[in-house]
N, C-alpha and C. Protein backbone atom coordinates (compact mmCIF):
# COMPACT_ATOMS: atom_id res chain seq x y z
N MET A 1 41.14 12.91 216.93
CA MET A 1 42.47 13.80 217.46
C MET A 1 42.13 15.10 218.05
N ALA A 2 43.10 15.21 218.77
CA ALA A 2 42.75 16.35 220.25
C ALA A 2 42.67 17.88 218.94
N ASN A 3 42.41 18.86 219.39
CA ASN A 3 42.23 19.83 218.73
C ASN A 3 43.49 21.21 219.21
N ILE A 4 44.62 20.73 218.97
CA ILE A 4 45.60 21.26 219.61
C ILE A 4 45.79 22.57 218.89
N LEU A 5 46.01 23.97 219.11
CA LEU A 5 45.86 25.01 218.54
C LEU A 5 47.09 25.32 218.49
N LEU A 6 48.18 25.08 219.59
CA LEU A 6 49.35 25.55 219.55
C LEU A 6 50.23 25.09 220.52
N THR A 7 51.39 24.66 220.72
CA THR A 7 52.14 24.36 221.77
C THR A 7 53.57 25.25 221.65
N ARG A 8 53.62 25.76 223.22
CA ARG A 8 54.55 26.99 223.46
C ARG A 8 55.63 26.44 224.40
N ILE A 9 56.85 26.52 224.27
CA ILE A 9 58.03 26.45 225.07
C ILE A 9 58.07 27.62 225.62
N ASP A 10 57.95 27.60 227.20
CA ASP A 10 58.11 28.96 228.13
C ASP A 10 58.21 28.37 229.39
N ASN A 11 59.77 28.58 229.77
CA ASN A 11 59.71 28.05 231.24
C ASN A 11 59.13 28.93 232.63
N ARG A 12 58.36 29.67 231.92
CA ARG A 12 57.53 30.21 233.03
C ARG A 12 56.05 29.58 233.07
N LEU A 13 55.58 29.12 232.21
CA LEU A 13 54.76 27.99 231.92
C LEU A 13 53.58 29.33 231.40
N ILE A 14 52.43 29.13 232.41
CA ILE A 14 51.21 29.96 232.47
C ILE A 14 51.62 31.53 233.40
N HIS A 15 51.73 32.54 232.65
CA HIS A 15 51.88 33.90 232.99
C HIS A 15 50.83 35.12 232.28
N GLY A 16 51.08 36.18 232.79
CA GLY A 16 49.99 37.23 231.94
C GLY A 16 50.12 37.00 230.56
N GLN A 17 51.35 37.27 229.98
CA GLN A 17 51.61 37.34 228.44
C GLN A 17 50.96 35.82 227.76
N VAL A 18 51.31 34.73 228.56
CA VAL A 18 50.81 33.69 227.77
C VAL A 18 49.05 33.69 227.87
N ALA A 19 48.74 33.50 229.25
CA ALA A 19 47.65 33.63 229.22
C ALA A 19 46.71 34.47 228.40
N THR A 20 46.97 35.96 228.27
CA THR A 20 46.10 37.05 227.80
C THR A 20 46.44 36.71 226.45
N GLN A 21 47.61 37.24 225.95
CA GLN A 21 47.64 37.61 224.43
C GLN A 21 47.97 36.13 223.55
N TRP A 22 48.31 34.80 224.20
CA TRP A 22 48.59 33.90 223.26
C TRP A 22 47.25 32.96 223.36
N SER A 23 46.73 33.06 224.26
CA SER A 23 45.27 32.23 224.06
C SER A 23 44.25 32.78 223.47
N GLY A 24 43.90 34.00 223.65
CA GLY A 24 43.32 34.96 222.70
C GLY A 24 43.61 35.16 221.48
N SER A 25 44.87 35.01 221.10
CA SER A 25 45.09 35.48 219.66
C SER A 25 44.94 34.18 219.21
N ILE A 26 45.18 32.97 219.65
CA ILE A 26 44.66 31.62 219.06
C ILE A 26 43.08 30.94 219.22
N GLY A 27 42.58 31.81 220.29
CA GLY A 27 41.18 31.18 220.32
C GLY A 27 41.30 30.13 221.49
N ALA A 28 42.15 29.84 222.28
CA ALA A 28 42.23 28.72 223.14
C ALA A 28 41.15 28.92 223.92
N ASN A 29 40.39 27.74 224.46
CA ASN A 29 39.85 27.53 225.61
C ASN A 29 39.92 26.94 226.90
N LEU A 30 41.01 26.33 226.46
CA LEU A 30 42.02 25.28 227.51
C LEU A 30 43.53 25.70 227.21
N ILE A 31 44.17 25.94 228.50
CA ILE A 31 45.35 26.10 228.55
C ILE A 31 46.11 24.64 229.26
N LEU A 32 46.89 23.64 228.72
CA LEU A 32 47.12 22.65 229.24
C LEU A 32 48.65 22.67 229.68
N VAL A 33 48.79 22.68 230.83
CA VAL A 33 50.66 22.61 231.26
C VAL A 33 50.89 21.49 231.37
N ALA A 34 51.66 20.57 230.67
CA ALA A 34 52.32 19.50 230.51
C ALA A 34 53.98 19.78 231.08
N ASN A 35 53.46 19.32 232.35
CA ASN A 35 55.01 19.65 233.43
C ASN A 35 54.64 18.46 234.62
N ASP A 36 55.74 17.55 234.79
CA ASP A 36 55.62 16.72 235.84
C ASP A 36 55.65 17.39 237.42
N LYS A 37 56.65 18.44 237.43
CA LYS A 37 56.42 19.02 238.89
C LYS A 37 55.30 19.76 239.11
N VAL A 38 54.89 20.56 238.06
CA VAL A 38 53.61 21.34 238.36
C VAL A 38 52.35 20.43 238.69
N ALA A 39 52.43 19.32 237.83
CA ALA A 39 51.31 18.77 237.85
C ALA A 39 51.01 17.91 239.51
N ALA A 40 51.98 18.45 240.31
CA ALA A 40 52.01 17.88 241.56
C ALA A 40 51.78 19.43 242.51
N ASP A 41 52.07 19.97 242.21
CA ASP A 41 52.03 21.40 242.84
C ASP A 41 51.05 22.08 242.90
N THR A 42 50.00 22.11 243.63
CA THR A 42 48.86 22.57 243.88
C THR A 42 49.21 24.10 244.06
N VAL A 43 50.15 24.61 245.02
CA VAL A 43 50.24 26.01 245.34
C VAL A 43 50.50 26.77 243.89
N ARG A 44 51.46 26.25 243.03
CA ARG A 44 51.91 26.81 241.88
C ARG A 44 50.45 26.97 240.92
N GLN A 45 50.02 25.78 240.82
CA GLN A 45 48.84 25.70 239.93
C GLN A 45 47.73 26.72 240.63
N GLY A 46 47.54 27.16 241.17
CA GLY A 46 46.53 28.29 241.74
C GLY A 46 47.35 29.39 241.38
N LEU A 47 48.49 29.97 241.47
CA LEU A 47 48.97 30.87 241.15
C LEU A 47 48.93 31.40 239.71
N MET A 48 49.14 30.11 238.76
CA MET A 48 48.83 30.00 237.63
C MET A 48 47.61 30.31 237.15
N ASP A 49 46.61 29.68 238.00
CA ASP A 49 45.11 30.00 237.55
C ASP A 49 44.68 31.44 237.44
N MET A 50 45.19 32.10 238.38
CA MET A 50 44.91 33.60 238.79
C MET A 50 45.58 34.46 237.48
N ALA A 51 46.47 33.79 236.72
CA ALA A 51 46.69 34.53 235.34
C ALA A 51 46.10 34.12 234.25
N ALA A 52 45.46 32.94 234.28
CA ALA A 52 44.38 32.54 233.13
C ALA A 52 43.19 33.63 233.08
N PRO A 53 42.83 33.79 231.65
CA PRO A 53 41.97 34.84 231.61
C PRO A 53 40.36 34.13 231.99
N ALA A 54 39.55 34.79 231.95
CA ALA A 54 38.07 34.40 232.41
C ALA A 54 37.72 33.78 231.20
N GLY A 55 37.10 32.61 231.48
CA GLY A 55 36.57 31.38 230.22
C GLY A 55 37.29 30.80 229.59
N VAL A 56 38.74 30.81 230.34
CA VAL A 56 39.78 29.93 229.59
C VAL A 56 39.81 28.67 230.76
N ALA A 57 39.84 27.25 230.72
CA ALA A 57 40.02 26.36 231.61
C ALA A 57 41.41 25.95 231.49
N THR A 58 42.09 25.89 232.75
CA THR A 58 43.33 25.35 232.95
C THR A 58 43.61 23.85 233.54
N ARG A 59 44.36 23.12 232.78
CA ARG A 59 44.90 21.85 233.34
C ARG A 59 46.15 21.37 233.55
N TYR A 60 46.71 21.03 234.45
CA TYR A 60 47.74 20.43 234.80
C TYR A 60 48.25 19.06 235.25
N PHE A 61 48.98 18.78 233.90
CA PHE A 61 49.45 16.97 233.73
C PHE A 61 50.72 16.80 233.64
N THR A 62 50.91 15.42 234.40
CA THR A 62 52.34 15.10 233.60
C THR A 62 52.58 14.88 232.31
N LEU A 63 53.68 14.89 231.87
CA LEU A 63 53.86 14.56 230.36
C LEU A 63 53.26 13.23 230.17
N GLN A 64 53.28 12.05 230.89
CA GLN A 64 52.90 10.80 230.45
C GLN A 64 51.16 10.93 230.64
N LYS A 65 50.78 11.59 231.52
CA LYS A 65 49.08 11.56 231.48
C LYS A 65 48.77 12.39 230.30
N THR A 66 49.67 13.25 229.76
CA THR A 66 49.00 14.52 228.59
C THR A 66 49.01 13.33 227.51
N ILE A 67 50.29 12.42 227.34
CA ILE A 67 50.40 11.39 226.28
C ILE A 67 48.89 10.56 226.33
N ASP A 68 48.85 10.30 227.71
CA ASP A 68 47.77 9.07 227.67
C ASP A 68 46.10 9.34 227.52
N ILE A 69 45.99 10.95 227.69
CA ILE A 69 44.68 11.14 227.82
C ILE A 69 44.37 12.38 226.47
N ILE A 70 45.31 12.87 226.14
CA ILE A 70 44.88 13.94 225.03
C ILE A 70 44.02 13.83 223.85
N HIS A 71 44.33 12.20 223.33
CA HIS A 71 43.34 12.03 222.17
C HIS A 71 41.97 11.60 222.84
N LYS A 72 41.61 11.66 224.09
CA LYS A 72 40.21 11.73 224.53
C LYS A 72 39.48 12.97 224.48
N ALA A 73 40.34 14.14 224.58
CA ALA A 73 39.65 15.46 224.65
C ALA A 73 38.78 15.63 223.53
N ALA A 74 37.59 16.39 223.87
CA ALA A 74 36.26 16.81 223.18
C ALA A 74 36.68 17.57 221.86
N ASP A 75 36.26 17.87 220.91
CA ASP A 75 36.20 18.46 219.41
C ASP A 75 36.31 19.95 220.09
N ARG A 76 35.45 20.33 220.98
CA ARG A 76 35.11 21.77 221.44
C ARG A 76 35.99 22.27 222.33
N GLN A 77 37.00 21.63 223.09
CA GLN A 77 38.53 22.17 223.51
C GLN A 77 38.91 22.40 222.71
N LYS A 78 39.23 23.83 222.36
CA LYS A 78 40.67 24.17 221.76
C LYS A 78 41.81 24.49 222.67
N ILE A 79 42.81 23.53 222.41
CA ILE A 79 44.04 23.28 223.39
C ILE A 79 45.08 24.22 222.96
N PHE A 80 45.68 24.81 224.13
CA PHE A 80 47.00 25.33 223.80
C PHE A 80 47.65 24.75 224.93
N ILE A 81 48.75 23.71 224.29
CA ILE A 81 49.58 23.35 225.31
C ILE A 81 50.67 24.27 225.97
N VAL A 82 51.51 24.35 227.18
CA VAL A 82 52.49 25.08 227.27
C VAL A 82 53.22 24.15 228.07
N VAL A 83 54.71 23.87 227.59
CA VAL A 83 55.42 22.82 228.20
C VAL A 83 56.83 23.85 228.59
N GLU A 84 57.83 23.45 229.41
CA GLU A 84 58.85 24.22 230.21
C GLU A 84 60.09 24.11 229.13
N SER A 85 60.15 22.98 228.62
CA SER A 85 61.51 23.03 227.87
C SER A 85 61.38 22.17 226.33
N PRO A 86 62.33 22.08 225.39
CA PRO A 86 62.22 21.54 224.08
C PRO A 86 62.32 19.81 224.60
N GLU A 87 62.87 19.54 225.52
CA GLU A 87 63.10 18.17 225.61
C GLU A 87 61.36 17.71 226.35
N ASP A 88 60.88 18.21 226.94
CA ASP A 88 59.26 18.03 227.06
C ASP A 88 58.66 17.94 226.18
N ALA A 89 58.50 19.27 225.00
CA ALA A 89 57.98 19.09 223.74
C ALA A 89 58.13 17.83 222.82
N LEU A 90 59.39 17.31 222.99
CA LEU A 90 59.68 15.86 222.18
C LEU A 90 59.20 14.70 222.88
N ALA A 91 58.93 15.03 224.23
CA ALA A 91 58.50 13.59 224.88
C ALA A 91 57.21 13.32 224.52
N LEU A 92 56.44 14.54 224.24
CA LEU A 92 54.99 14.70 223.92
C LEU A 92 54.85 13.80 222.56
N VAL A 93 55.50 14.95 221.46
CA VAL A 93 55.45 14.12 220.35
C VAL A 93 56.10 12.75 219.97
N GLU A 94 57.24 12.48 220.86
CA GLU A 94 57.09 10.79 220.80
C GLU A 94 56.55 10.27 221.42
N GLY A 95 55.82 10.44 222.34
CA GLY A 95 54.78 9.77 222.90
C GLY A 95 53.49 9.57 221.92
N GLY A 96 53.32 10.55 220.96
CA GLY A 96 52.06 10.19 220.06
C GLY A 96 50.93 11.43 220.07
N VAL A 97 51.33 12.29 220.73
CA VAL A 97 50.61 13.88 220.81
C VAL A 97 50.96 14.46 219.23
N GLU A 98 49.75 15.05 218.84
CA GLU A 98 49.72 15.22 217.59
C GLU A 98 50.20 16.83 217.57
N ILE A 99 51.31 17.02 217.57
CA ILE A 99 51.74 18.57 217.75
C ILE A 99 52.44 18.76 216.22
N LYS A 100 52.07 19.85 215.71
CA LYS A 100 52.48 20.25 214.36
C LYS A 100 53.37 21.38 214.45
N LYS A 101 53.08 22.10 215.31
CA LYS A 101 54.02 23.30 215.59
C LYS A 101 54.37 23.61 216.90
N VAL A 102 55.56 24.11 217.14
CA VAL A 102 55.99 24.88 218.62
C VAL A 102 56.39 26.02 218.55
N ASN A 103 55.94 26.94 219.13
CA ASN A 103 56.42 28.47 219.26
C ASN A 103 57.18 28.19 220.74
N ILE A 104 58.32 28.76 220.42
CA ILE A 104 59.41 29.08 221.24
C ILE A 104 59.24 30.18 221.67
N GLY A 105 59.13 30.30 222.95
CA GLY A 105 58.66 31.62 223.59
C GLY A 105 60.02 32.10 224.49
N ASN A 106 59.68 31.69 225.91
CA ASN A 106 60.88 31.81 226.87
C ASN A 106 61.54 30.51 227.26
N MET A 107 63.17 31.03 226.99
CA MET A 107 63.74 29.92 227.57
C MET A 107 65.08 30.62 228.17
N HIS A 108 65.21 31.04 229.26
CA HIS A 108 65.67 31.85 230.21
C HIS A 108 67.21 31.28 230.27
N MET A 109 67.98 32.38 230.38
CA MET A 109 69.90 32.04 230.25
C MET A 109 69.92 31.65 231.85
N SER A 110 70.95 30.64 231.61
CA SER A 110 71.58 29.74 232.79
C SER A 110 72.61 29.60 232.54
N GLU A 111 73.31 28.55 233.69
CA GLU A 111 74.81 28.42 233.21
C GLU A 111 74.54 27.38 232.20
N GLY A 112 75.76 27.37 231.09
CA GLY A 112 75.90 26.71 230.10
C GLY A 112 74.87 26.77 228.99
N LYS A 113 74.40 27.91 229.15
CA LYS A 113 73.40 28.20 227.61
C LYS A 113 73.89 29.28 227.29
N ARG A 114 73.41 29.55 226.03
CA ARG A 114 73.99 30.57 225.20
C ARG A 114 72.77 31.52 224.80
N GLN A 115 72.61 32.64 224.56
CA GLN A 115 71.51 33.46 224.09
C GLN A 115 71.56 33.54 222.58
N VAL A 116 70.62 33.19 221.99
CA VAL A 116 70.54 32.97 220.59
C VAL A 116 69.66 33.85 219.86
N ALA A 117 68.32 34.26 220.78
CA ALA A 117 67.54 35.04 220.40
C ALA A 117 66.81 35.88 221.34
N THR A 118 66.23 36.96 221.35
CA THR A 118 65.77 38.30 222.18
C THR A 118 65.36 37.60 223.58
N SER A 119 64.65 36.29 223.64
CA SER A 119 63.96 35.58 224.80
C SER A 119 64.45 34.26 224.82
N VAL A 120 65.38 33.79 224.33
CA VAL A 120 65.80 32.42 223.86
C VAL A 120 67.13 32.04 224.18
N ALA A 121 67.76 31.10 225.27
CA ALA A 121 68.82 30.63 225.55
C ALA A 121 68.91 29.05 225.45
N VAL A 122 69.73 28.39 224.67
CA VAL A 122 69.79 27.25 224.51
C VAL A 122 71.26 26.37 224.88
N ASP A 123 71.18 25.16 225.33
CA ASP A 123 72.34 24.58 225.51
C ASP A 123 72.30 23.50 224.19
N ASP A 124 73.27 22.20 224.15
CA ASP A 124 73.57 21.61 223.42
C ASP A 124 72.24 20.44 223.43
N LYS A 125 71.77 20.37 224.84
CA LYS A 125 70.71 19.23 224.90
C LYS A 125 68.92 19.94 224.32
N ASP A 126 69.09 21.43 224.02
CA ASP A 126 67.81 21.72 223.73
C ASP A 126 67.94 21.79 222.36
N VAL A 127 69.26 22.02 221.84
CA VAL A 127 69.50 22.26 220.19
C VAL A 127 69.18 20.55 219.75
N ALA A 128 69.81 19.50 220.41
CA ALA A 128 69.20 18.33 219.75
C ALA A 128 67.85 18.09 219.89
N ALA A 129 67.18 18.23 220.70
CA ALA A 129 65.96 18.39 220.93
C ALA A 129 64.92 19.22 219.79
N PHE A 130 65.42 20.18 219.56
CA PHE A 130 64.79 20.91 218.33
C PHE A 130 65.01 20.15 217.22
N LYS A 131 66.54 19.37 216.90
CA LYS A 131 66.50 18.84 215.44
C LYS A 131 65.73 17.59 215.58
N LYS A 132 65.24 16.97 216.47
CA LYS A 132 64.73 16.19 216.58
C LYS A 132 63.15 16.20 216.24
N LEU A 133 62.73 17.16 216.85
CA LEU A 133 61.07 17.74 216.37
C LEU A 133 61.35 18.10 215.22
N GLU A 134 62.26 18.81 214.61
CA GLU A 134 62.03 19.06 212.86
C GLU A 134 62.18 17.83 212.13
N GLU A 135 63.11 16.80 212.51
CA GLU A 135 63.27 15.54 212.00
C GLU A 135 61.83 15.00 212.14
N LYS A 136 61.11 15.02 212.86
CA LYS A 136 59.62 14.37 213.03
C LYS A 136 58.59 15.20 212.48
N GLY A 137 58.85 16.57 211.79
CA GLY A 137 58.01 17.27 210.84
C GLY A 137 57.19 18.63 211.59
N VAL A 138 57.63 18.33 212.56
CA VAL A 138 57.16 19.86 213.80
C VAL A 138 58.18 21.00 213.15
N LYS A 139 56.82 21.86 212.78
CA LYS A 139 57.31 23.18 212.62
C LYS A 139 57.89 24.21 213.73
N LEU A 140 58.70 24.70 213.73
CA LEU A 140 59.57 25.29 214.70
C LEU A 140 59.55 26.87 214.68
N GLU A 141 58.93 28.03 215.61
CA GLU A 141 59.10 29.12 215.25
C GLU A 141 59.25 30.00 216.85
N ILE A 142 60.54 30.78 216.66
CA ILE A 142 60.91 31.66 217.91
C ILE A 142 59.77 33.07 217.71
N GLN A 143 58.75 33.01 218.46
CA GLN A 143 58.27 34.45 218.67
C GLN A 143 57.67 34.54 220.21
N ARG A 144 58.22 35.91 220.68
CA ARG A 144 57.86 36.34 222.16
C ARG A 144 56.30 36.43 222.28
N VAL A 145 55.77 37.18 221.58
CA VAL A 145 53.90 37.44 221.62
C VAL A 145 53.94 37.58 220.07
N PRO A 146 52.33 37.70 220.18
CA PRO A 146 51.65 37.26 218.63
C PRO A 146 51.89 38.41 218.03
N SER A 147 52.24 39.69 218.74
CA SER A 147 52.35 40.95 218.08
C SER A 147 53.88 41.07 217.51
N THR A 148 54.70 40.38 217.68
CA THR A 148 56.39 40.55 217.62
C THR A 148 56.13 39.79 216.42
N SER A 149 57.28 39.93 215.56
CA SER A 149 57.83 39.27 214.42
C SER A 149 58.13 37.61 214.65
N VAL A 150 58.17 36.67 213.77
CA VAL A 150 58.84 35.61 214.25
C VAL A 150 60.34 35.60 213.63
N GLU A 151 60.97 34.91 214.63
CA GLU A 151 62.63 35.09 214.44
C GLU A 151 63.35 33.95 213.68
N ASP A 152 64.08 33.71 213.13
CA ASP A 152 64.99 32.70 212.16
C ASP A 152 65.31 31.82 213.19
N ILE A 153 64.92 30.60 212.86
CA ILE A 153 64.98 29.63 213.65
C ILE A 153 66.17 29.36 213.55
N SER A 154 67.01 29.44 212.68
CA SER A 154 68.78 29.16 212.34
C SER A 154 69.41 29.57 213.49
N LYS A 155 68.67 30.56 214.11
CA LYS A 155 69.62 31.15 215.42
C LYS A 155 69.68 30.02 216.53
N LEU A 156 68.79 28.77 216.36
CA LEU A 156 69.02 27.76 217.63
C LEU A 156 70.09 27.44 217.41
N TYR A 157 70.74 26.85 215.91
CA TYR A 157 71.60 26.13 215.67
C TYR A 157 72.86 26.84 215.61
N LYS A 158 73.20 27.82 215.95
CA LYS A 158 74.75 29.00 215.59
C LYS A 158 75.29 28.46 217.17
């Protein structure tokens, strides 16, 4: 089983906050971005690599590649998975990736979404994915950065 320390939903994927605060607080040595678009975009990968702290490796895989090879990860790899949406997190779980907890970080406001927490806006599709994740035994928590309090996830369903 892969040593997955945390899975985070953040539509910015790797940026300063994720790279420094989260990977440092959980002790990750690998940030795995599971995202179909970014897996094919070397320019975006290069920009994200610049935000990654020294000593932390980065990988950019499609959702399917993540599902196919995560179980081959070495025990020494302390993995921090970052996905763009709750649907992506659900796809990984449904594909057999051993995700126990999902941190809900940033989900920007956009048309059709409603703000439910400090940095989280959802639509009905997001809510349905969160419900399915909970049904599959995945613990959800809303937390912007490690130094802030965990927000009540019931906000997601209002």
